[in-house]
Protein backbone atom coordinates (compact mmCIF):
# COMPACT_ATOMS: atom_id res chain seq x y z
CA MET A 1 43.76 -37.13 24.06
CA THR A 2 42.55 -37.57 27.61
CA THR A 3 41.69 -40.98 28.95
CA PRO A 4 38.13 -42.00 29.89
CA GLY A 5 36.99 -40.54 33.19
CA THR A 6 39.19 -37.44 33.10
CA ASP A 7 36.17 -35.32 32.21
CA ASP A 8 35.23 -35.56 35.89
CA LEU A 9 38.57 -33.94 36.74
CA LEU A 10 38.29 -31.21 34.13
CA ASP A 11 34.64 -30.44 34.87
CA PRO A 12 33.95 -31.67 38.42
CA LEU A 13 30.72 -29.64 38.71
CA GLY A 14 29.31 -30.93 35.42
CA LEU A 15 28.76 -27.49 33.94
CA ARG A 16 30.10 -27.85 30.40
CA SER A 17 26.84 -28.92 28.82
CA ASP A 18 25.32 -25.51 29.68
CA ALA A 19 28.47 -23.42 29.22
CA PRO A 20 29.69 -23.11 25.60
CA LEU A 21 32.93 -21.31 26.46
CA LEU A 22 33.76 -23.73 29.24
CA ASP A 23 33.07 -26.63 26.88
CA GLY A 24 35.29 -25.09 24.20
CA TYR A 25 38.09 -24.58 26.72
CA LEU A 26 37.92 -28.13 28.05
CA THR A 27 37.66 -29.57 24.55
CA TYR A 28 40.90 -27.82 23.61
CA LEU A 29 42.64 -29.28 26.67
CA GLU A 30 41.43 -32.73 25.64
CA THR A 31 42.69 -32.45 22.07
CA GLU A 32 46.19 -33.01 20.72
CA VAL A 33 47.06 -30.05 18.50
CA THR A 34 50.17 -28.38 17.10
CA PRO A 35 49.26 -24.69 17.21
CA LEU A 36 50.87 -22.62 14.47
CA HIS A 37 49.56 -19.31 15.79
CA THR A 38 49.88 -17.18 18.90
CA PRO A 39 50.52 -17.37 21.82
CA GLY A 40 54.22 -18.04 21.48
CA HIS A 41 54.40 -20.52 24.35
CA LYS A 42 52.26 -22.92 22.25
CA THR A 43 50.65 -24.19 25.50
CA ARG A 44 53.90 -26.06 26.25
CA THR A 45 55.06 -25.75 29.83
CA GLN A 46 58.34 -27.68 29.65
CA ARG A 47 60.55 -24.58 29.66
CA MET A 48 58.41 -22.10 31.61
CA GLY A 49 56.80 -24.35 34.17
CA PRO A 50 53.33 -24.20 35.73
CA VAL A 51 52.94 -20.45 35.27
CA LEU A 52 51.59 -21.23 31.79
CA GLN A 53 49.37 -24.10 32.85
CA GLY A 54 45.93 -23.83 31.29
CA ASP A 55 46.63 -20.64 29.33
CA VAL A 56 44.52 -21.03 26.21
CA THR A 57 43.57 -18.16 23.91
CA LEU A 58 39.93 -17.60 23.02
CA TYR A 59 40.59 -17.29 19.28
CA GLY A 60 42.54 -20.25 17.99
CA GLY A 61 42.01 -22.19 21.19
CA VAL A 62 38.56 -22.17 22.76
CA ASP A 63 37.13 -21.17 19.37
CA THR A 64 38.66 -20.93 15.90
CA ILE A 65 40.80 -17.94 14.88
CA ARG A 66 37.76 -16.60 13.04
CA GLY A 67 35.44 -17.26 15.98
CA SER A 68 33.33 -19.32 13.62
CA HIS A 69 31.67 -21.35 16.35
CA LYS A 70 30.38 -18.13 17.95
CA LEU A 71 30.89 -19.53 21.44
CA LEU A 72 31.47 -16.11 23.00
CA GLU A 73 28.25 -14.70 21.59
CA ALA A 74 26.31 -17.74 22.82
CA ALA A 75 27.75 -17.45 26.33
CA GLU A 76 27.13 -13.70 26.53
CA ALA A 77 23.52 -14.21 25.40
CA LYS A 78 22.99 -16.69 28.23
CA ALA A 79 24.38 -14.17 30.73
CA ALA A 80 22.18 -11.37 29.38
CA LEU A 81 19.15 -13.62 29.85
CA LEU A 82 20.14 -14.59 33.40
CA TRP A 83 20.58 -10.98 34.54
CA GLY A 84 17.62 -9.65 32.58
CA GLY A 85 19.47 -7.52 30.03
CA ASP A 86 19.35 -7.04 26.27
CA TRP A 87 23.13 -6.90 25.82
CA CYS A 88 26.07 -8.43 27.68
CA ARG A 89 29.80 -8.57 27.18
CA PHE A 90 32.52 -10.49 29.04
CA SER A 91 35.62 -8.54 30.05
CA VAL A 92 39.05 -10.01 30.75
CA ALA A 93 40.20 -6.63 32.13
CA GLY A 94 37.94 -6.57 35.15
CA SER A 95 35.27 -4.10 36.20
CA THR A 96 37.81 -1.39 35.37
CA HIS A 97 37.36 -1.97 31.65
CA ALA A 98 33.59 -2.39 31.94
CA ASN A 99 33.23 0.93 33.82
CA GLN A 100 35.29 2.71 31.21
CA ALA A 101 33.28 1.21 28.36
CA LEU A 102 30.03 2.49 29.90
CA SER A 103 31.56 5.93 30.38
CA LEU A 104 32.47 6.03 26.69
CA GLY A 105 29.11 4.66 25.63
CA VAL A 106 26.63 6.83 27.53
CA ALA A 107 27.49 10.46 26.73
CA ASN A 108 29.66 12.82 24.70
CA PRO A 109 32.79 14.76 25.68
CA GLY A 110 31.81 17.78 27.77
CA ASP A 111 28.52 16.26 28.97
CA THR A 112 27.59 16.23 32.65
CA VAL A 113 26.87 13.07 34.63
CA VAL A 114 25.87 12.64 38.27
CA VAL A 115 28.28 10.29 40.05
CA SER A 116 28.47 8.76 43.51
CA ARG A 117 31.64 9.76 45.32
CA MET A 118 31.96 6.12 46.36
CA LEU A 119 33.35 5.48 42.89
CA HIS A 120 36.43 3.39 42.26
CA ARG A 121 39.45 4.81 40.46
CA SER A 122 38.40 2.84 37.37
CA LEU A 123 35.20 4.83 36.93
CA LEU A 124 37.00 8.11 37.57
CA LEU A 125 39.42 7.29 34.77
CA GLY A 126 36.45 6.35 32.61
CA LEU A 127 35.23 9.92 33.07
CA VAL A 128 38.69 11.13 32.03
CA LEU A 129 38.70 8.97 28.91
CA ALA A 130 35.21 10.07 27.92
CA GLY A 131 35.72 13.74 28.82
CA LEU A 132 32.66 13.78 31.10
CA LYS A 133 32.03 16.35 33.82
CA PRO A 134 31.04 14.77 37.16
CA VAL A 135 28.59 16.25 39.59
CA TRP A 136 29.37 14.44 42.82
CA VAL A 137 26.83 13.04 45.28
CA THR A 138 28.16 11.86 48.62
CA PRO A 139 26.91 9.01 50.80
CA ASP A 140 25.42 9.24 54.26
CA VAL A 141 27.77 7.95 56.96
CA ASP A 142 26.43 6.28 60.11
CA PRO A 143 28.40 7.85 62.98
CA HIS A 144 27.90 4.80 65.20
CA VAL A 145 29.81 2.47 62.89
CA GLY A 146 31.73 5.06 60.86
CA LEU A 147 30.66 3.44 57.58
CA PRO A 148 28.78 4.68 54.50
CA VAL A 149 25.17 3.53 54.30
CA GLY A 150 24.41 4.54 50.73
CA VAL A 151 23.54 7.59 48.70
CA ARG A 152 20.02 8.94 49.20
CA ALA A 153 17.89 9.31 46.08
CA GLU A 154 16.89 12.81 47.24
CA ARG A 155 20.51 13.86 46.90
CA VAL A 156 20.64 12.62 43.30
CA ALA A 157 17.32 14.32 42.52
CA ALA A 158 18.67 17.62 43.84
CA ALA A 159 21.80 17.25 41.72
CA LEU A 160 19.67 16.63 38.62
CA GLU A 161 17.49 19.64 39.39
CA ARG A 162 20.64 21.77 39.41
CA ASN A 163 21.99 20.04 36.29
CA PRO A 164 18.98 19.24 34.08
CA ALA A 165 21.22 18.56 31.05
CA ALA A 166 22.93 15.62 32.81
CA LYS A 167 23.10 12.50 30.64
CA ALA A 168 23.31 9.70 33.22
CA VAL A 169 23.54 8.76 36.88
CA PHE A 170 26.40 6.51 38.04
CA LEU A 171 26.13 4.73 41.38
CA VAL A 172 28.58 2.39 43.09
CA ASP A 173 26.61 -0.23 45.02
CA PRO A 174 27.25 -2.19 47.11
CA SER A 175 29.91 -0.20 48.88
CA TYR A 176 33.25 -1.74 49.70
CA VAL A 177 31.92 -2.56 53.18
CA GLY A 178 28.67 -4.17 52.00
CA THR A 179 26.08 -1.42 52.45
CA VAL A 180 23.65 -0.84 49.58
CA SER A 181 21.59 2.16 48.41
CA HIS A 182 17.94 1.81 47.44
CA ILE A 183 18.56 1.35 43.73
CA GLU A 184 14.86 1.34 42.84
CA ASP A 185 14.46 4.89 44.19
CA HIS A 186 17.44 6.05 42.15
CA ALA A 187 16.04 4.40 39.02
CA GLU A 188 12.76 6.25 39.50
CA VAL A 189 14.60 9.57 39.86
CA ALA A 190 16.88 9.03 36.84
CA HIS A 191 14.04 7.87 34.63
CA ALA A 192 11.92 10.87 35.61
CA PHE A 193 14.68 12.97 34.02
CA GLY A 194 14.76 10.66 30.99
CA ILE A 195 18.30 9.38 31.59
CA PRO A 196 19.81 5.96 32.41
CA LEU A 197 20.92 4.71 35.80
CA ILE A 198 24.25 2.87 35.66
CA VAL A 199 25.44 0.84 38.64
CA ASP A 200 28.97 -0.33 39.33
CA GLN A 201 28.02 -3.49 41.22
CA ALA A 202 31.52 -4.94 41.19
CA TRP A 203 31.20 -6.26 44.74
CA GLY A 204 27.68 -7.63 44.22
CA GLY A 205 28.02 -10.30 41.55
CA HIS A 206 26.06 -12.68 43.81
CA PHE A 207 23.16 -10.26 44.30
CA GLY A 208 19.76 -11.46 43.21
CA PHE A 209 20.36 -15.18 43.59
CA HIS A 210 19.01 -15.71 47.13
CA PRO A 211 16.24 -13.95 49.09
CA ASP A 212 18.60 -13.12 51.97
CA VAL A 213 20.95 -11.28 49.60
CA PRO A 214 19.98 -7.91 48.07
CA PRO A 215 18.47 -7.93 44.56
CA HIS A 216 20.81 -7.07 41.72
CA ALA A 217 20.69 -3.63 40.11
CA LEU A 218 18.80 -4.57 36.94
CA GLU A 219 16.09 -6.23 39.03
CA LEU A 220 15.59 -2.88 40.73
CA GLY A 221 15.32 -0.83 37.54
CA ALA A 222 18.89 0.10 36.63
CA ASP A 223 19.65 0.36 32.91
CA ALA A 224 23.20 -1.00 32.99
CA MET A 225 25.29 -2.88 35.51
CA VAL A 226 28.94 -3.77 35.84
CA THR A 227 29.80 -6.73 38.01
CA SER A 228 33.00 -8.51 38.85
CA VAL A 229 33.04 -12.27 38.42
CA HIS A 230 36.13 -12.78 40.56
CA LYS A 231 35.52 -10.61 43.65
CA ALA A 232 32.55 -12.33 45.28
CA LEU A 233 31.95 -15.03 42.67
CA THR A 234 34.11 -17.81 41.28
CA GLY A 235 35.66 -16.43 38.11
CA TYR A 236 39.30 -16.21 37.19
CA THR A 237 41.10 -13.06 38.35
CA GLN A 238 40.34 -10.14 35.96
CA SER A 239 36.94 -11.55 34.98
CA ALA A 240 33.94 -9.22 34.82
CA LEU A 241 30.83 -8.64 32.79
CA VAL A 242 28.64 -5.69 31.82
CA VAL A 243 24.91 -5.99 31.14
CA ALA A 244 22.62 -3.31 29.71
CA ARG A 245 19.05 -2.79 28.60
CA ALA A 246 18.25 -1.18 25.27
CA GLN A 247 15.57 1.32 26.26
CA ARG A 248 17.93 4.13 27.31
CA PHE A 249 21.13 3.04 25.56
CA ASP A 250 22.42 3.02 22.01
CA LEU A 251 23.67 -0.57 22.12
CA ASP A 252 25.62 -0.20 18.86
CA ARG A 253 27.63 2.62 20.39
CA LEU A 254 28.04 0.68 23.62
CA GLU A 255 29.41 -2.23 21.60
CA ARG A 256 31.95 0.08 19.96
CA ALA A 257 32.91 1.56 23.32
CA PHE A 258 33.48 -1.88 24.80
CA ASP A 259 35.63 -3.06 21.90
CA ALA A 260 37.61 0.18 21.78
CA THR A 261 39.10 -0.44 25.22
CA HIS A 262 39.23 -4.25 25.31
CA THR A 263 41.99 -6.59 24.22
CA THR A 264 41.71 -8.34 20.86
CA SER A 265 43.32 -11.43 22.45
CA PRO A 266 41.05 -12.46 25.34
CA ALA A 267 42.28 -15.33 27.48
CA GLY A 268 40.13 -18.41 27.05
CA GLN A 269 40.60 -19.41 30.66
CA ILE A 270 39.12 -16.11 31.88
CA VAL A 271 36.09 -16.02 29.59
CA GLY A 272 35.55 -19.73 30.21
CA SER A 273 35.45 -19.09 33.95
CA ILE A 274 32.84 -16.34 33.46
CA ASP A 275 30.68 -18.75 31.50
CA ALA A 276 31.15 -21.49 34.09
CA THR A 277 30.27 -19.11 36.93
CA ARG A 278 27.11 -18.02 35.14
CA ALA A 279 26.08 -21.66 34.66
CA LEU A 280 26.81 -22.43 38.32
CA LEU A 281 24.72 -19.48 39.53
CA ALA A 282 21.84 -20.39 37.23
CA ARG A 283 21.78 -23.97 38.46
CA ASP A 284 22.87 -23.83 42.10
CA GLY A 285 23.10 -20.16 43.09
CA ARG A 286 20.25 -20.17 45.58
CA GLU A 287 21.49 -23.27 47.39
CA LEU A 288 25.12 -22.20 47.48
CA LEU A 289 24.39 -18.67 48.63
CA GLY A 290 22.01 -19.93 51.28
CA GLU A 291 24.87 -21.93 52.77
CA THR A 292 27.24 -18.96 52.54
CA VAL A 293 24.77 -16.71 54.37
CA ARG A 294 24.25 -19.39 57.02
CA ILE A 295 27.92 -19.76 57.84
CA CYS A 296 28.49 -15.99 57.82
CA ASN A 297 25.63 -15.59 60.29
CA LEU A 298 27.22 -18.34 62.38
CA GLY A 299 30.52 -16.46 62.36
CA ARG A 300 28.88 -13.20 63.35
CA ASP A 301 26.95 -14.90 66.15
CA ARG A 302 30.19 -16.35 67.55
CA LEU A 303 31.60 -12.85 67.87
CA ARG A 304 28.58 -11.13 69.40
CA GLY A 305 29.14 -10.36 73.01
CA VAL A 306 32.90 -9.80 72.71
CA PRO A 307 33.39 -6.71 74.90
CA GLY A 308 33.70 -3.54 72.84
CA LEU A 309 33.41 -5.32 69.49
CA GLN A 310 30.74 -4.11 67.08
CA VAL A 311 29.44 -6.82 64.75
CA VAL A 312 27.96 -4.92 61.81
CA ASP A 313 24.87 -6.11 59.96
CA ALA A 314 21.49 -4.68 58.99
CA SER A 315 20.32 -4.83 62.63
CA VAL A 316 22.79 -2.18 63.79
CA LEU A 317 22.55 0.09 60.73
CA PRO A 318 19.90 2.81 60.21
CA PRO A 319 16.42 1.40 59.52
CA GLY A 320 15.96 0.36 55.91
CA THR A 321 19.67 0.05 55.16
CA ARG A 322 20.45 -2.96 52.99
CA PHE A 323 23.53 -5.01 53.76
CA ASP A 324 25.43 -7.80 52.05
CA PRO A 325 25.35 -10.70 54.54
CA THR A 326 28.34 -12.43 52.90
CA LYS A 327 30.70 -9.85 54.40
CA ILE A 328 31.79 -10.06 58.03
CA VAL A 329 32.31 -6.44 59.06
CA LEU A 330 33.70 -5.77 62.53
CA GLY A 331 34.06 -2.43 64.29
CA VAL A 332 37.03 -2.52 66.67
CA ALA A 333 37.14 1.06 68.00
CA GLY A 334 35.38 -0.01 71.20
CA THR A 335 38.03 -2.64 71.88
CA GLY A 336 40.90 -0.16 71.79
CA VAL A 337 42.75 -2.41 69.35
CA ASP A 338 43.98 -1.21 65.96
CA GLY A 339 42.30 -2.90 62.97
CA VAL A 340 45.42 -2.72 60.80
CA GLN A 341 47.41 -4.56 63.47
CA LEU A 342 44.71 -7.23 63.62
CA ASP A 343 44.94 -7.52 59.83
CA ASP A 344 48.69 -8.19 60.14
CA ASP A 345 48.10 -10.75 62.89
CA LEU A 346 45.49 -12.60 60.81
CA SER A 347 47.81 -12.73 57.79
CA GLU A 348 50.56 -14.23 59.91
CA VAL A 349 48.33 -17.15 60.93
CA GLY A 350 46.98 -17.79 57.44
CA TYR A 351 43.79 -15.69 57.34
CA PRO A 352 44.48 -12.68 55.10
CA ILE A 353 41.40 -10.47 54.93
CA GLU A 354 39.94 -8.03 52.39
CA TYR A 355 40.12 -4.73 54.25
CA SER A 356 41.15 -3.01 57.43
CA ASP A 357 41.56 0.49 58.75
CA ARG A 358 42.10 1.72 62.27
CA ASP A 359 38.49 1.07 63.31
CA THR A 360 37.22 -1.62 60.92
CA VAL A 361 38.04 -5.15 59.80
CA VAL A 362 36.27 -6.75 56.81
CA ALA A 363 36.36 -10.40 55.72
CA THR A 364 34.78 -11.22 52.35
CA LEU A 365 33.24 -14.67 51.92
CA SER A 366 32.04 -16.47 48.80
CA ILE A 367 30.19 -19.63 47.82
CA PHE A 368 33.49 -21.54 47.90
CA ASP A 369 34.11 -20.83 51.61
CA GLY A 370 33.00 -23.42 54.13
CA GLU A 371 32.05 -23.49 57.78
CA VAL A 372 35.54 -24.54 58.80
CA ASP A 373 36.98 -21.48 57.00
CA VAL A 374 34.66 -19.03 58.74
CA LEU A 375 35.04 -20.54 62.18
CA GLY A 376 38.81 -20.67 61.73
CA PHE A 377 38.80 -16.97 60.92
CA VAL A 378 36.58 -16.21 63.93
CA ASP A 379 38.93 -18.07 66.27
CA ALA A 380 42.00 -16.41 64.77
CA PHE A 381 40.41 -12.99 65.07
CA ALA A 382 39.33 -13.57 68.68
CA ASN A 383 42.81 -14.82 69.62
CA ALA A 384 44.51 -11.83 68.00
CA LEU A 385 42.11 -9.43 69.70
CA THR A 386 42.70 -11.03 73.09
CA ARG A 387 46.47 -10.93 72.66
CA ARG A 388 46.50 -7.30 71.58
CA ARG A 389 44.31 -6.36 74.51
CA GLY A 390 46.64 -8.21 76.83
CA GLU A 391 49.49 -6.10 75.53
CA GLY A 392 47.60 -3.00 76.50
CA SER A 393 47.08 -1.76 72.95
CA GLY A 394 44.77 1.02 74.06
CA ARG A 395 41.44 2.08 75.46
CA ALA A 396 38.12 2.28 73.69
CA ARG A 397 38.04 5.22 71.29
CA THR A 398 35.50 7.14 69.25
CA VAL A 399 34.98 5.87 65.71
CA ARG A 400 36.67 8.04 63.09
CA PRO A 401 35.06 7.51 59.65
CA HIS A 402 37.55 6.88 56.86
CA VAL A 403 38.24 9.94 54.70
CA ALA A 404 37.16 7.93 51.63
CA TRP A 405 33.59 7.96 53.00
CA THR A 406 33.54 11.62 54.08
CA VAL A 407 35.43 13.59 51.44
CA GLU A 408 33.54 16.64 50.13
CA PRO A 409 35.26 17.39 46.81
CA GLU A 410 35.47 20.83 45.22
CA THR A 411 35.67 20.41 41.45
CA VAL A 412 37.40 23.30 39.71
CA ILE A 413 37.95 21.90 36.20
CA ARG A 414 36.94 18.67 34.43
CA PRO A 415 39.02 15.61 35.36
CA ARG A 416 40.09 15.20 31.72
CA ASP A 417 41.31 18.80 31.48
CA ALA A 418 43.36 18.41 34.66
CA PHE A 419 44.71 15.04 33.55
CA PHE A 420 46.15 16.54 30.36
CA ALA A 421 47.08 19.93 31.82
CA VAL A 422 50.67 21.07 32.31
CA HIS A 423 51.53 20.22 35.89
CA GLU A 424 54.26 20.83 38.42
CA THR A 425 55.37 19.10 41.58
CA VAL A 426 55.17 21.16 44.77
CA SER A 427 55.42 20.47 48.48
CA ALA A 428 52.28 19.27 50.24
CA GLU A 429 52.05 22.59 52.06
CA ASP A 430 52.29 24.59 48.82
CA ALA A 431 49.72 22.33 47.15
CA VAL A 432 46.95 23.55 49.45
CA GLY A 433 44.65 25.81 47.45
CA ARG A 434 45.94 24.51 44.12
CA VAL A 435 44.18 22.14 41.67
CA SER A 436 45.26 18.52 41.79
CA ALA A 437 46.59 16.95 38.60
CA GLU A 438 46.59 13.41 39.97
CA ILE A 439 44.52 10.80 41.76
CA VAL A 440 45.22 10.12 45.42
CA ALA A 441 43.41 7.20 47.05
CA PRO A 442 44.03 5.14 50.18
CA TYR A 443 44.04 1.50 49.08
CA PRO A 444 42.00 -0.33 49.95
CA PRO A 445 39.27 0.82 49.34
CA GLY A 446 40.57 2.60 46.23
CA VAL A 447 38.02 5.43 46.48
CA PRO A 448 39.68 8.68 45.35
CA VAL A 449 40.12 11.29 48.05
CA LEU A 450 41.65 13.68 45.53
CA ALA A 451 40.85 13.56 41.82
CA PRO A 452 42.30 15.48 38.88
CA GLY A 453 40.64 18.88 38.72
CA GLU A 454 39.82 19.16 42.43
CA ARG A 455 40.93 21.78 44.92
CA VAL A 456 43.53 20.58 47.41
CA THR A 457 42.52 21.58 50.93
CA ALA A 458 44.41 21.49 54.20
CA ALA A 459 41.71 19.24 55.68
CA THR A 460 42.04 16.72 52.84
CA MET A 461 45.83 16.58 53.13
CA GLN A 462 45.62 16.14 56.89
CA ALA A 463 43.09 13.32 56.51
CA LEU A 464 45.33 11.57 53.99
CA HIS A 465 48.32 11.85 56.30
CA ASP A 466 46.19 10.48 59.16
CA VAL A 467 45.15 7.35 57.27
CA LYS A 468 48.72 6.86 56.11
CA ALA A 469 49.92 7.12 59.71
CA ASP A 470 47.31 4.51 60.63
CA GLY A 471 48.98 2.06 58.25
CA ALA A 472 46.99 2.49 55.02
CA MET A 473 48.75 2.39 51.68
CA VAL A 474 48.29 5.49 49.52
CA ARG A 475 48.12 4.63 45.83
CA TYR A 476 48.24 6.39 42.46
CA ALA A 477 49.98 9.55 43.74
CA ALA A 478 53.38 10.07 42.13
CA ASP A 479 54.80 10.53 45.63
CA PRO A 480 53.21 7.93 47.93
CA SER A 481 54.82 9.60 50.96
CA LEU A 482 52.61 12.65 50.23
CA ALA A 483 55.51 14.98 50.88
CA THR A 484 54.82 16.41 47.43
CA LEU A 485 51.85 16.59 45.10
CA GLN A 486 51.39 17.21 41.38
CA VAL A 487 49.20 20.24 40.70
CA VAL A 488 47.96 22.04 37.60
CA VAL A 489 50.08 24.97 36.46
CA GLU A 490 47.78 27.99 36.57
């Protein structure tokens, strides 16, 4: 048993009284037990060391093996209420699992869905699993900053007019760089066609909890929303949740879809952190986010006026564009310095960042960052920029939007059909004109540039080679050098 006063160490924010899973997790840590069930390490760290510290299973740890205390259901009900949904589930497999569950739960194999091309690989593979046919809608890209500024609702409406049998609309908002579509307009369009709007809001878990931050998707009329609890919030890595409303969903089927692709052995530490994060947002979200926005604004202000540097926020984006103020997005094309090199420099001095490409650097902040963290990053960035300029890294250049934001896919066959088709490996040159059997995505951001079932074009291959030459990592392709590609045998 723990000694008096240690509760302050286990629960320093005093959240357990409002968080049933957190309370169950902490109670287990405070109790002397001899577990005669899985996991095999028995919570003993003597032989394995700190890698096992705090690893407690949900069933048989946080709750009983039979889940008789119903702590998970109680915690998920609290989250559904906070985000304004009728149904909520906690995922220990990230937004990836939640996206795939929604794909399985919203339509039948062979059905058509309208999907933003800003989608993450996880949603694309959800379409594969569910056998859905995507009709792609692409975002607008602001040429001045080279970044996507959201998908226009008119584009989705046109896609639905051409495909009136579509069963759902999938959006990905906010984008990886913090720009946000007008979700309420998309909800109006989808609902006019009698179908649900689903939003992958993985990067916007904090939305809706402060007036200076965009509203969350359900506030704006979406029918279901996926959000990560570890990206911009405070959950354990792999934590996510999915929330839905009943009006345009069969919640029984959605429940089956979620369980079909989720582990039967969820980690208590992960689900406990989701519950704790929900309780923290409910109690202190407005105050904490207000401070985060303040220090991010301070950081941006410190960098304004640096010659050639473009500090991105709503003021420099097209009128009406929404922007996540907890991201510090910097355009470096005008400085002549390479963003990937700046990324390397920042990592070397202890400030690893979320994203970089040749022309852009992105730092992601959360409610657990402080003023000293932001100002330290700003100083490190300014020093690296000055040093690179002193080395004569280059002259100001025209912004070149990342291929992930500008790809215009040509779908030939359904992603699922291509995924399971007989394929062959050919040279990159011979792949042009063929149908891709694999996903190819620069990472980050993880947005597919080629998807199974799409025509390989010379322009796409050249753009992929360009971003690779700029220092980006290409993921998911069998040959990351892109010398060869897997294509469907025709």
